[in-house]
Amino acid sequence: MTLNTSGNLCVGTTADDSYRMRVRTSGNLLAEFASSGLATYVQVGDGGNSTYSNLGFVNNYGTAQMWHAGSTYGSNWGGNNSFNFYTPTASFHWHPAGNANRMTLSTTGVLSCANDIIALLLTED
């Protein structure tokens, strides 16, 4: 573990690349956030984030993201105060109660539920 002169904390690595905290491991378990109370809350961002607060999931296909847009985000994606999901290469899938693909939103805008199409993305020509 290294705390450099800039105040950046490195665990399992010495390369900080300007991250305030970087944790690396060769195993699958990286971190746990737990509480013995009735609820657990992890916050990303603070009230000063007027553009957006973002959480990214990176793998060999790219970076999938979810973010909450602030008051100065503009007209991009969902616009100001929107909550957005993004995947660079694939559709979205929901797996309630351990059941695979009960609802899918394809990259072409087709929403299917239990393999029955229930909505289509309509666009004007």
Foldseek 3Di string as FASTA:
>chain_A
DDQDPVRADEAPDDDRVPPNYYYDDPDDDTDDFDDPDPDGDDDFDDPVPQAKTKDWDQDPQGIKIWIAGHNPNADPDPGHRDIDTGDDDFWDADQPPNRGRQWIQGPQGFIDGNNHTDDHDDDDD
